[in-house]
């Protein structure tokens, strides 16, 4: 996993992103550290939409995806090593039971 900072906002520091761009909108998974938190890394699901203010503005609401798109996103995040090896190994264990 990379510790290089992608972006810092008032809310958090984004350490890594896996984003699937669909044109006027995009969705993804981010590894973040919440600025007012305890410094623990967290995983955040995100949705971006083109607005009058900006291209791919972060939309503050839950991410809803069809299963095929969710699989594409998870596959991309695993390929880009967004998740820790321990998390991926645990996920494999869950799926193999």
Protein backbone atom coordinates (compact mmCIF):
# COMPACT_ATOMS: atom_id res chain seq x y z
CA UNK A 1 0.00 0.00 0.00
CA UNK A 2 1.20 3.48 -0.80
CA UNK A 3 1.43 6.17 1.87
CA UNK A 4 1.67 8.95 -0.74
CA UNK A 5 -1.05 11.54 -0.18
CA UNK A 6 -3.48 11.89 -3.10
CA UNK A 7 -5.37 14.86 -1.64
CA UNK A 8 -6.02 16.59 1.66
CA UNK A 9 -9.39 18.17 2.48
CA UNK A 10 -10.85 19.77 5.58
CA UNK A 11 -12.38 16.38 6.45
CA UNK A 12 -9.66 13.86 5.61
CA UNK A 13 -6.41 12.93 3.95
CA UNK A 14 -6.87 10.65 0.93
CA UNK A 15 -4.04 8.13 0.76
CA UNK A 16 -5.22 6.07 -2.20
CA UNK A 17 -8.14 5.89 -4.64
CA UNK A 18 -9.58 3.33 -7.03
CA UNK A 19 -12.05 5.18 -9.25
CA UNK A 20 -14.23 3.87 -12.10
CA UNK A 21 -15.08 6.75 -14.44
CA UNK A 22 -18.41 6.47 -16.30
CA UNK A 23 -18.33 9.86 -18.03
CA UNK A 24 -20.64 12.28 -16.22
CA UNK A 25 -20.26 10.36 -12.97
CA UNK A 26 -17.70 8.15 -11.25
CA UNK A 27 -17.57 5.94 -8.19
CA UNK A 28 -14.80 4.49 -6.16
CA UNK A 29 -13.15 3.31 -3.00
CA UNK A 30 -10.68 5.42 -1.05
CA UNK A 31 -8.24 4.72 1.76
CA UNK A 32 -8.42 7.77 4.05
CA UNK A 33 -7.40 9.14 7.42
CA UNK A 34 -10.06 11.34 9.03
CA UNK A 35 -8.35 14.54 10.21
CA UNK A 36 -10.18 14.76 13.55
CA UNK A 37 -9.92 11.03 14.18
CA UNK A 38 -7.38 8.82 15.89
CA UNK A 39 -5.13 8.48 12.82
CA UNK A 40 -6.49 5.07 11.88
CA UNK A 41 -6.83 4.39 8.16
CA UNK A 42 -10.40 3.87 6.95
CA UNK A 43 -12.07 2.72 3.72
CA UNK A 44 -14.62 5.09 2.17
CA UNK A 45 -17.02 4.39 -0.71
CA UNK A 46 -17.46 7.50 -2.88
CA UNK A 47 -19.71 8.79 -5.65
CA UNK A 48 -18.81 11.72 -7.90
CA UNK A 49 -21.11 13.54 -10.32
CA UNK A 50 -20.60 16.35 -12.81
CA UNK A 51 -22.27 19.50 -11.49
CA UNK A 52 -22.42 23.17 -12.42
CA UNK A 53 -19.67 23.75 -9.82
CA UNK A 54 -17.20 21.07 -10.85
CA UNK A 55 -16.48 17.96 -12.89
CA UNK A 56 -16.77 14.87 -10.70
CA UNK A 57 -17.78 16.69 -7.52
CA UNK A 58 -17.97 14.41 -4.48
CA UNK A 59 -21.60 13.72 -3.63
CA UNK A 60 -22.27 13.23 0.07
CA UNK A 61 -24.60 10.25 -0.01
CA UNK A 62 -24.29 6.45 0.03
CA UNK A 63 -22.98 4.64 -3.00
CA UNK A 64 -25.56 2.46 -4.75
CA UNK A 65 -24.31 0.22 -7.56
CA UNK A 66 -25.52 -2.71 -9.63
CA UNK A 67 -23.63 -5.90 -8.69
CA UNK A 68 -21.65 -5.92 -11.97
CA UNK A 69 -20.36 -2.38 -11.32
CA UNK A 70 -19.57 -3.22 -7.69
CA UNK A 71 -17.55 -6.25 -8.82
CA UNK A 72 -15.66 -4.08 -11.33
CA UNK A 73 -14.85 -1.57 -8.60
CA UNK A 74 -13.72 -4.17 -6.07
CA UNK A 75 -11.59 -5.90 -8.71
CA UNK A 76 -9.92 -2.58 -9.61
CA UNK A 77 -9.25 -1.75 -5.94
CA UNK A 78 -7.69 -5.17 -5.34
CA UNK A 79 -5.54 -4.89 -8.50
CA UNK A 80 -4.36 -1.42 -7.41
CA UNK A 81 -3.58 -2.81 -3.93
CA UNK A 82 -5.91 -0.38 -2.15
CA UNK A 83 -6.85 -3.09 0.36
CA UNK A 84 -4.26 -4.59 2.70
CA UNK A 85 -3.08 -8.15 2.09
CA UNK A 86 -4.66 -9.17 5.42
CA UNK A 87 -8.04 -7.81 4.26
CA UNK A 88 -7.85 -9.61 0.90
CA UNK A 89 -6.82 -12.86 2.62
CA UNK A 90 -9.74 -12.55 5.06
CA UNK A 91 -12.12 -11.87 2.17
CA UNK A 92 -10.83 -15.00 0.38
CA UNK A 93 -11.44 -17.03 3.54
CA UNK A 94 -15.02 -15.71 3.79
CA UNK A 95 -15.75 -16.46 0.12
CA UNK A 96 -14.26 -19.96 0.32
CA UNK A 97 -16.45 -21.04 3.27
